[in-house]
Structures are given as structure tokens and as C-alpha cells.
């Protein structure tokens, strides 16, 4: 009985080995024939997050900026031509007056007396002329006497003209339509030539004087459009046109003095104001992309166009630039989608995932942030 024990152990061990081999073989068979799960797409899993932008047309007009000064369309300091005292002032500060409106009267009693005397003398001479005409006709008076009286009448007429001219110098009137400034004198003041009584300005249309570099002399012409803005109201734009260019170029600054006329119906622009002037030269609508989308390689420039979720490197030709954007003259078409941000390390043909629209030069891209869309 003890001799049969090893045989039984061997048989048990053989059974265990056979059974284990069958189980292991079945497991291998099942693993080989079980259905495989779909592998995750490397195009999605490995896609680089980027911000996109559409190629669109924008205005790439050649603009020229200059500093200008506002001038009145017409301007004068009202003063007297003679030494005399003021007897009447007929205006208030800031009044609008029409051409010919009486503003001030100066003392004119002496001139009034001269005028009255000259008129009386003329009347006397005209009566004497009529009397002498009849006498000469009858032969009772010589022709020379009649001619003498006519000469005296002409002298009396000239005295009248002289007195009237002196009276006109003592009546100060507005030479054109405009707005008066502050009154500088009072009734009773003695004025002399050059004494300012008030200022008068026509400012419903104003002039803006500025300088243009001589390199733009062939571009800036009368009729060129301008816009102006002031520091007091930076949001408002005043539209006008160049009216004249000076006949001489400043040899020191190499620029030509230029004048524009700008409507000013609400009188917001005041003479002496400093304004920023922009001249719109060569208006031009062109394809435009964010400047940061450019990939310079040597002397060439490229962008990554997005086609079927892939980045395709495309050579482009650039033109004018403005803050944050660049003009595209060839290589892209309007409406085409390009990578605007996230181009660092991007390769031609790489898979990309659009995480949002590019929001402008001031917007920083962070792939960890949730996707956003700029309206």
C-alpha cells in the first residue's frame, strides 16, 4: 500500500498540470478573439488648442497725423481810427452781430458842426448860382462870375464829404457777421488808434492751420479730407477739407504750412485751440489679419490656415500695418480661417482644436481657460 502512494501523487500532479494548461490556453484564446475597443483618435487627443480669426477686409488708408491750431474764418480786434472819448456802447459780451451793426459812438460834436456849416455854405452857393444864371442870360453878369460860384459850390460839397468821413470814423460798426468777445472799455473812456474795444470772430466755419512734410506734397491737395479732435472732447470728430497750401516750404522743418476749413455750427471749436489733425490719404480696403498670426521665416512670411482641423502653413505677402493688424496682399482669401494665437511650436499639418475666436491684440491666450467667443 505504501508502494502505490507515489504513483497516486504523480497522477494527481499530472492532472493538475493538464487542467492548468487547459485553463491557461482557454484564457489566451479568449483574449485573442475578444472584440477590441476603438482607439482614441490621435487627431483629437493630440490636437493643439488655438484661437482662430477670419480673414476680413479693413480700411488700410494711408493716414497722416499733425498738430493744428484753430483760427477764426474771419477775425478782427475792433478799435478806433481817431483819438476820441466813447459816448455810447451798443453791445454786450458775446453778442452775435450782423455786418454794419453799430457797436460804439465816439464824441462827434465838432464834426457835426462842420457838416452843418458845409451844408449851409453849399445851399448859399446854389442859390447864388441860380440867380447868376438869369443875370448871365440877360447879359447883366459875366460868365466868369457864374463859374466862380460853381467852383465855390464844389468846394462846399467836398467839405460835406470831409465832415461825413470824420463822422463815420466816430461810428464804429461791425465789418462782418460774427460773435463779439469781451468788452474791453466803458463809456467815457478815451480811445486812441489801436485801443481794442472788443474782438469780433466769424467761427461758424473755422480754419485749422497745420504743417505737412514735403514728402507728402504730391498727395495732399486742396479738397483732401481731414478729421480733427480736441483734448476737451476726444470722442468727437470734426470733418473738413484742405482749402489751401502755402506757396513756400519751410527750409528749417521741410514742411509746408497747410490750411483746412471745418464747419463749426455749434461753435465748439474756439480760435486758438490745439487740435489733432488726421488726413485720410489713399483710402484702401484690403484683407487683414492679426499681426501675431504671422510666422516669419527668413525673408518670407507665413500663416497657419485651418483646414479640416489641421494647420496648413501658407505663404502670404504683407502690405501696410496698423496697431495689432497687418494687410495681406496675396496668399489668403476673404473669410478664410487662420490660427491667430497659439502658433508657438505649431507644425505644418498638425491637428488643432479651435478654443475660441481671437479677441484682439490686448487679449492673452491661455489654453487652460475655457473656450470663449468674441461677438
Protein backbone atom coordinates (compact mmCIF):
# COMPACT_ATOMS: atom_id res chain seq x y z
CA UNK A 1 0.00 0.00 0.00
CA UNK A 2 2.87 2.26 0.68
CA UNK A 3 4.27 1.32 -2.79
CA UNK A 4 1.10 2.73 -4.53
CA UNK A 5 1.34 6.18 -2.75
CA UNK A 6 3.98 7.72 -5.11
CA UNK A 7 2.00 6.65 -8.12
CA UNK A 8 -1.11 8.35 -6.81
CA UNK A 9 0.84 11.55 -6.14
CA UNK A 10 2.23 11.51 -9.66
CA UNK A 11 -1.17 11.01 -11.16
CA UNK A 12 -2.59 13.93 -9.07
CA UNK A 13 0.24 16.22 -10.13
CA UNK A 14 -0.22 15.31 -13.78
CA UNK A 15 -3.97 16.07 -13.52
CA UNK A 16 -3.30 19.49 -12.00
CA UNK A 17 -0.81 20.38 -14.73
CA UNK A 18 -3.15 19.29 -17.51
CA UNK A 19 -6.09 21.20 -16.02
CA UNK A 20 -3.99 24.37 -15.56
CA UNK A 21 -2.74 24.17 -19.12
CA UNK A 22 -6.30 23.88 -20.47
CA UNK A 23 -7.43 26.91 -18.43
CA UNK A 24 -4.43 28.99 -19.50
CA UNK A 25 -4.92 28.06 -23.13
CA UNK A 26 -8.58 29.00 -22.99
CA UNK A 27 -7.76 32.37 -21.46
CA UNK A 28 -5.25 33.09 -24.22
CA UNK A 29 -7.77 32.04 -26.85
CA UNK A 30 -10.47 34.29 -25.42
CA UNK A 31 -8.11 37.32 -25.18
CA UNK A 32 -7.06 36.88 -28.79
CA UNK A 33 -10.62 36.65 -30.08
CA UNK A 34 -12.40 39.18 -27.87
CA UNK A 35 -13.63 42.38 -29.72
CA UNK A 36 -11.13 45.29 -29.43
CA UNK A 37 -12.30 48.75 -28.20
CA UNK A 38 -11.93 51.71 -30.62
CA UNK A 39 -8.66 53.51 -30.05
CA UNK A 40 -8.94 57.23 -29.22
CA UNK A 41 -8.23 59.43 -32.25
CA UNK A 42 -4.80 60.92 -32.07
CA UNK A 43 -6.16 63.84 -34.15
CA UNK A 44 -8.37 64.82 -31.21
CA UNK A 45 -6.28 63.72 -28.29
CA UNK A 46 -3.09 65.36 -29.56
CA UNK A 47 -4.72 68.49 -31.09
CA UNK A 48 -3.17 71.82 -30.10
CA UNK A 49 -5.65 74.37 -28.68
CA UNK A 50 -5.60 77.65 -30.66
CA UNK A 51 -7.57 80.83 -31.15
CA UNK A 52 -8.80 81.45 -34.67
CA UNK A 53 -9.53 84.53 -36.76
CA UNK A 54 -11.30 85.08 -40.05
CA UNK A 55 -9.61 86.93 -42.86
CA UNK A 56 -11.67 90.10 -43.33
CA UNK A 57 -11.42 93.38 -45.19
CA UNK A 58 -10.46 96.51 -43.31
CA UNK A 59 -9.55 100.06 -44.19
CA UNK A 60 -5.81 100.48 -44.71
CA UNK A 61 -5.92 104.10 -45.82
CA UNK A 62 -2.65 105.97 -45.56
CA UNK A 63 -3.24 108.43 -42.71
CA UNK A 64 -1.10 111.42 -41.78
CA UNK A 65 -1.31 112.91 -38.30
CA UNK A 66 -0.41 116.52 -37.49
CA UNK A 67 -0.89 119.09 -34.76
CA UNK A 68 -3.04 122.05 -35.77
CA UNK A 69 -4.31 125.35 -34.41
CA UNK A 70 -7.87 126.61 -34.80
CA UNK A 71 -8.25 130.03 -36.44
CA UNK A 72 -11.35 132.14 -36.97
CA UNK A 73 -12.66 132.20 -40.50
CA UNK A 74 -12.61 135.99 -40.11
CA UNK A 75 -11.17 137.80 -37.09
CA UNK A 76 -10.56 141.39 -36.05
CA UNK A 77 -9.83 143.49 -32.96
CA UNK A 78 -12.25 146.40 -33.15
CA UNK A 79 -10.60 149.73 -32.41
CA UNK A 80 -10.89 153.42 -33.22
CA UNK A 81 -9.16 155.33 -36.01
CA UNK A 82 -9.06 158.56 -34.02
CA UNK A 83 -8.36 159.94 -30.56
CA UNK A 84 -11.76 160.49 -29.01
CA UNK A 85 -13.90 159.65 -25.99
CA UNK A 86 -16.63 156.97 -26.06
CA UNK A 87 -20.17 158.31 -25.75
CA UNK A 88 -22.14 155.10 -26.43
CA UNK A 89 -21.63 151.30 -26.47
CA UNK A 90 -24.34 149.27 -28.19
CA UNK A 91 -23.36 145.65 -27.50
CA UNK A 92 -22.91 143.10 -24.73
CA UNK A 93 -20.25 140.48 -24.21
CA UNK A 94 -20.62 137.55 -26.61
CA UNK A 95 -23.32 139.10 -28.80
CA UNK A 96 -23.82 137.92 -32.36
CA UNK A 97 -23.90 140.94 -34.67
CA UNK A 98 -24.60 141.42 -38.36
CA UNK A 99 -22.39 143.36 -40.72
CA UNK A 100 -22.93 147.14 -40.29
CA UNK A 101 -24.33 146.90 -36.74
CA UNK A 102 -23.42 149.99 -34.68
CA UNK A 103 -21.11 148.96 -31.83
CA UNK A 104 -19.84 152.26 -30.41
CA UNK A 105 -20.18 156.02 -30.84
CA UNK A 106 -17.38 158.48 -30.21
CA UNK A 107 -17.74 162.17 -29.44
CA UNK A 108 -18.59 163.94 -32.72
CA UNK A 109 -19.93 167.41 -31.86
CA UNK A 110 -17.18 169.21 -33.77
CA UNK A 111 -17.71 167.08 -36.87
CA UNK A 112 -21.47 167.63 -36.72
CA UNK A 113 -20.89 171.41 -36.66
CA UNK A 114 -18.52 171.15 -39.62
CA UNK A 115 -21.12 169.20 -41.57
CA UNK A 116 -23.86 171.69 -40.82
CA UNK A 117 -21.62 174.58 -41.85
CA UNK A 118 -20.65 172.88 -45.12
CA UNK A 119 -24.27 172.16 -45.97
CA UNK A 120 -25.26 175.78 -45.29
CA UNK A 121 -22.43 177.04 -47.48
CA UNK A 122 -23.48 174.72 -50.29
CA UNK A 123 -27.09 175.91 -50.08
CA UNK A 124 -25.99 179.54 -50.27
CA UNK A 125 -23.78 178.88 -53.27
CA UNK A 126 -26.53 177.00 -55.11
CA UNK A 127 -28.93 179.95 -54.61
CA UNK A 128 -26.30 182.37 -55.89
CA UNK A 129 -25.70 180.14 -58.93
CA UNK A 130 -29.43 180.18 -59.83
CA UNK A 131 -29.52 184.00 -59.51
CA UNK A 132 -26.41 184.43 -61.66
CA UNK A 133 -27.76 182.12 -64.36
CA UNK A 134 -30.61 184.58 -65.03
CA UNK A 135 -28.29 187.57 -64.95
CA UNK A 136 -25.85 185.96 -67.36
CA UNK A 137 -28.74 185.03 -69.64
CA UNK A 138 -29.83 188.71 -69.71
CA UNK A 139 -26.24 189.89 -70.15
CA UNK A 140 -26.20 191.61 -66.73
CA UNK A 141 -23.43 189.46 -65.28
CA UNK A 142 -20.28 187.96 -66.72
CA UNK A 143 -19.84 184.20 -67.27
CA UNK A 144 -16.70 184.23 -65.10
CA UNK A 145 -18.68 185.18 -62.04
CA UNK A 146 -21.05 182.25 -62.57
CA UNK A 147 -18.10 179.84 -62.98
CA UNK A 148 -16.57 181.19 -59.77
CA UNK A 149 -19.73 180.40 -57.82
CA UNK A 150 -19.87 176.89 -59.25
CA UNK A 151 -16.34 176.32 -58.03
CA UNK A 152 -17.27 177.53 -54.54
CA UNK A 153 -20.24 175.13 -54.58
CA UNK A 154 -17.94 172.24 -55.44
CA UNK A 155 -15.69 173.19 -52.54
CA UNK A 156 -18.71 173.19 -50.22
CA UNK A 157 -19.61 169.68 -51.42
CA UNK A 158 -16.13 168.47 -50.64
CA UNK A 159 -16.40 169.97 -47.15
CA UNK A 160 -19.57 167.96 -46.68
CA UNK A 161 -17.79 164.74 -47.78
CA UNK A 162 -14.93 165.53 -45.41
CA UNK A 163 -17.26 166.11 -42.45
CA UNK A 164 -19.20 162.93 -43.22
CA UNK A 165 -15.94 160.91 -43.36
CA UNK A 166 -14.91 162.26 -39.97
CA UNK A 167 -18.32 161.38 -38.57
CA UNK A 168 -18.00 157.85 -39.97
CA UNK A 169 -14.71 157.44 -38.09
CA UNK A 170 -16.66 158.13 -34.91
CA UNK A 171 -19.29 155.48 -35.65
CA UNK A 172 -17.72 152.05 -35.06
CA UNK A 173 -19.65 149.26 -36.82
CA UNK A 174 -19.20 145.50 -37.36
CA UNK A 175 -17.29 144.84 -40.60
CA UNK A 176 -18.80 141.34 -40.97
CA UNK A 177 -21.22 138.91 -39.30
CA UNK A 178 -19.72 137.33 -36.21
CA UNK A 179 -19.54 136.85 -32.48
CA UNK A 180 -18.18 139.54 -30.18
CA UNK A 181 -15.76 138.78 -27.40
CA UNK A 182 -15.49 140.55 -24.06
CA UNK A 183 -15.97 144.31 -23.94
CA UNK A 184 -12.64 145.99 -23.11
CA UNK A 185 -13.73 149.60 -22.43
CA UNK A 186 -16.53 151.62 -20.84
CA UNK A 187 -18.48 154.73 -21.82
CA UNK A 188 -16.38 157.84 -21.24
CA UNK A 189 -13.06 156.14 -21.91
CA UNK A 190 -10.61 157.95 -24.16
CA UNK A 191 -9.64 155.66 -27.04
CA UNK A 192 -6.76 156.02 -29.44
CA UNK A 193 -5.91 154.15 -32.66
CA UNK A 194 -5.07 150.60 -31.62
CA UNK A 195 -7.16 150.61 -28.43
CA UNK A 196 -9.16 147.35 -28.54
CA UNK A 197 -12.85 147.87 -27.87
CA UNK A 198 -13.79 144.19 -28.42
CA UNK A 199 -12.86 141.27 -30.65
CA UNK A 200 -15.08 140.01 -33.45
CA UNK A 201 -14.80 136.48 -34.87
CA UNK A 202 -16.67 134.54 -37.53
CA UNK A 203 -16.49 130.95 -36.25
CA UNK A 204 -19.46 129.07 -37.70
CA UNK A 205 -16.77 127.87 -40.07
CA UNK A 206 -13.18 127.78 -38.76
CA UNK A 207 -9.75 127.38 -40.27
CA UNK A 208 -7.22 124.87 -38.94
CA UNK A 209 -3.57 125.55 -39.69
CA UNK A 210 -1.02 122.73 -39.60
CA UNK A 211 2.13 121.60 -41.41
CA UNK A 212 2.60 118.74 -43.87
CA UNK A 213 6.03 117.17 -44.56
CA UNK A 214 7.26 117.93 -48.05
CA UNK A 215 7.37 114.19 -48.84
CA UNK A 216 3.54 114.29 -48.91
CA UNK A 217 3.41 117.35 -51.16
CA UNK A 218 2.25 115.29 -54.12
CA UNK A 219 -0.51 113.62 -52.10
CA UNK A 220 -2.04 116.42 -50.04
CA UNK A 221 -4.07 118.77 -52.23
CA UNK A 222 -6.98 121.21 -51.83
CA UNK A 223 -10.03 119.05 -51.23
CA UNK A 224 -8.21 116.34 -49.25
CA UNK A 225 -10.43 115.20 -46.37
CA UNK A 226 -9.34 115.72 -42.77
CA UNK A 227 -10.68 114.92 -39.32
CA UNK A 228 -9.82 116.86 -36.19
CA UNK A 229 -10.31 116.23 -32.48
CA UNK A 230 -9.63 118.20 -29.34
CA UNK A 231 -8.31 117.17 -25.93
CA UNK A 232 -11.50 118.50 -24.33
CA UNK A 233 -13.71 116.07 -26.29
CA UNK A 234 -11.65 113.21 -27.67
CA UNK A 235 -14.68 111.21 -28.81
CA UNK A 236 -15.95 113.84 -31.22
CA UNK A 237 -14.57 114.13 -34.72
CA UNK A 238 -14.78 117.30 -36.82
CA UNK A 239 -14.82 116.74 -40.58
CA UNK A 240 -13.37 119.18 -43.07
CA UNK A 241 -11.26 119.61 -46.20
CA UNK A 242 -7.91 121.13 -47.05
CA UNK A 243 -8.53 124.57 -48.58
CA UNK A 244 -5.04 125.90 -49.31
CA UNK A 245 -1.36 125.05 -49.17
CA UNK A 246 1.24 127.76 -48.73
CA UNK A 247 3.37 128.76 -51.69
CA UNK A 248 6.59 128.16 -49.74
CA UNK A 249 8.16 125.25 -47.86
CA UNK A 250 9.81 125.99 -44.53
CA UNK A 251 13.53 125.35 -45.14
CA UNK A 252 14.09 124.50 -41.45
CA UNK A 253 11.32 121.94 -40.90
CA UNK A 254 10.99 120.90 -44.57
CA UNK A 255 7.22 121.14 -44.26
CA UNK A 256 4.58 123.23 -45.96
CA UNK A 257 2.01 125.26 -44.00
CA UNK A 258 -1.46 123.95 -44.81
CA UNK A 259 -4.94 125.24 -44.02
CA UNK A 260 -8.23 123.35 -43.77
CA UNK A 261 -11.77 124.62 -43.37
CA UNK A 262 -14.08 122.85 -40.92
CA UNK A 263 -17.80 123.54 -40.28
CA UNK A 264 -18.42 124.57 -36.66
CA UNK A 265 -22.19 125.09 -36.34
CA UNK A 266 -22.33 124.72 -32.54
CA UNK A 267 -19.22 126.89 -32.03
CA UNK A 268 -17.47 124.11 -30.11
CA UNK A 269 -14.15 124.92 -31.78
CA UNK A 270 -12.66 128.14 -30.42
CA UNK A 271 -9.89 130.21 -32.04
CA UNK A 272 -6.52 129.29 -30.57
CA UNK A 273 -7.47 125.69 -29.72
CA UNK A 274 -4.91 122.93 -30.19
CA UNK A 275 -6.29 120.05 -32.26
CA UNK A 276 -5.02 116.74 -33.59
CA UNK A 277 -5.49 116.59 -37.35
CA UNK A 278 -5.65 113.39 -39.39
CA UNK A 279 -5.51 113.46 -43.17
CA UNK A 280 -7.03 110.49 -44.97
CA UNK A 281 -4.71 109.73 -47.87
CA UNK A 282 -5.22 106.95 -50.41
CA UNK A 283 -8.32 105.20 -48.98
CA UNK A 284 -7.89 101.42 -49.36
CA UNK A 285 -9.95 98.36 -48.29
CA UNK A 286 -7.75 95.26 -48.04
CA UNK A 287 -7.65 91.80 -46.47
CA UNK A 288 -6.49 91.97 -42.87
CA UNK A 289 -5.31 89.53 -40.20
CA UNK A 290 -3.94 89.87 -36.64
CA UNK A 291 -0.24 90.70 -36.80
CA UNK A 292 0.63 87.98 -34.29
CA UNK A 293 -0.65 85.33 -36.73
CA UNK A 294 2.40 85.91 -38.96
CA UNK A 295 5.25 83.40 -38.87
CA UNK A 296 8.38 85.00 -40.40
CA UNK A 297 10.88 82.57 -41.86
CA UNK A 298 13.83 84.29 -43.46
CA UNK A 299 12.57 86.93 -45.88
CA UNK A 300 9.16 85.27 -46.22
CA UNK A 301 6.02 85.35 -44.07
CA UNK A 302 3.58 82.54 -43.40
CA UNK A 303 0.32 81.92 -41.57
CA UNK A 304 -1.36 78.71 -40.49
CA UNK A 305 -4.67 78.27 -42.28
CA UNK A 306 -7.14 75.91 -40.60
CA UNK A 307 -8.46 73.22 -42.97
CA UNK A 308 -10.27 70.11 -41.70
CA UNK A 309 -8.92 70.68 -38.16
CA UNK A 310 -5.38 70.74 -39.49
CA UNK A 311 -2.92 73.63 -39.57
CA UNK A 312 -1.70 74.28 -43.09
CA UNK A 313 1.26 76.61 -43.43
CA UNK A 314 0.57 79.18 -46.15
CA UNK A 315 2.91 81.81 -47.56
CA UNK A 316 1.48 85.33 -47.66
CA UNK A 317 2.50 88.77 -48.88
CA UNK A 318 2.03 91.67 -46.47
CA UNK A 319 1.43 95.38 -47.01
CA UNK A 320 0.60 98.22 -44.66
CA UNK A 321 0.27 97.78 -40.91
CA UNK A 322 -1.75 99.31 -38.15
CA UNK A 323 -1.71 98.57 -34.40
CA UNK A 324 -2.18 94.82 -33.97
CA UNK A 325 -3.07 94.05 -37.60
CA UNK A 326 -1.41 93.68 -40.98
CA UNK A 327 -2.62 93.98 -44.57
CA UNK A 328 -2.49 90.83 -46.71
CA UNK A 329 -1.97 91.43 -50.42
CA UNK A 330 -1.83 87.77 -51.53
CA UNK A 331 -1.96 84.22 -50.20
CA UNK A 332 -5.35 84.28 -48.43
CA UNK A 333 -8.98 84.80 -49.32
CA UNK A 334 -11.71 86.65 -47.51
CA UNK A 335 -13.49 84.56 -44.86
CA UNK A 336 -10.68 82.00 -44.57
CA UNK A 337 -9.99 80.72 -41.03
CA UNK A 338 -6.44 81.05 -39.69
CA UNK A 339 -4.60 80.44 -36.43
CA UNK A 340 -4.33 83.79 -34.68
CA UNK A 341 -2.93 82.69 -31.32
CA UNK A 342 -1.22 79.52 -30.19
CA UNK A 343 1.25 79.21 -33.08
CA UNK A 344 4.29 78.58 -30.87
CA UNK A 345 5.60 75.10 -31.73
CA UNK A 346 2.85 74.53 -34.30
CA UNK A 347 3.92 72.43 -37.30
CA UNK A 348 2.59 72.23 -40.82
CA UNK A 349 -0.17 69.60 -40.91
CA UNK A 350 -0.57 69.42 -37.12
CA UNK A 351 -4.02 68.78 -35.67
CA UNK A 352 -5.58 71.82 -33.98
CA UNK A 353 -8.58 72.41 -31.77
CA UNK A 354 -10.22 75.86 -32.03
CA UNK A 355 -10.69 77.05 -28.47
CA UNK A 356 -12.32 80.34 -29.43
CA UNK A 357 -12.08 83.44 -31.58
CA UNK A 358 -9.17 85.83 -31.32
CA UNK A 359 -10.32 88.86 -29.38
CA UNK A 360 -7.74 91.41 -30.42
CA UNK A 361 -4.14 92.46 -29.69
CA UNK A 362 -4.80 93.02 -25.97
CA UNK A 363 -6.29 89.58 -25.31
CA UNK A 364 -3.89 86.97 -23.95
CA UNK A 365 -4.47 83.33 -24.83
CA UNK A 366 -4.39 80.71 -22.09
CA UNK A 367 -5.18 77.13 -23.26
CA UNK A 368 -6.20 76.22 -19.68
CA UNK A 369 -9.08 78.69 -19.71
CA UNK A 370 -12.50 77.63 -21.05
CA UNK A 371 -13.26 78.46 -24.66
CA UNK A 372 -14.64 81.93 -25.29
CA UNK A 373 -16.13 83.54 -28.37
CA UNK A 374 -15.83 87.17 -29.25
CA UNK A 375 -19.09 88.56 -30.66
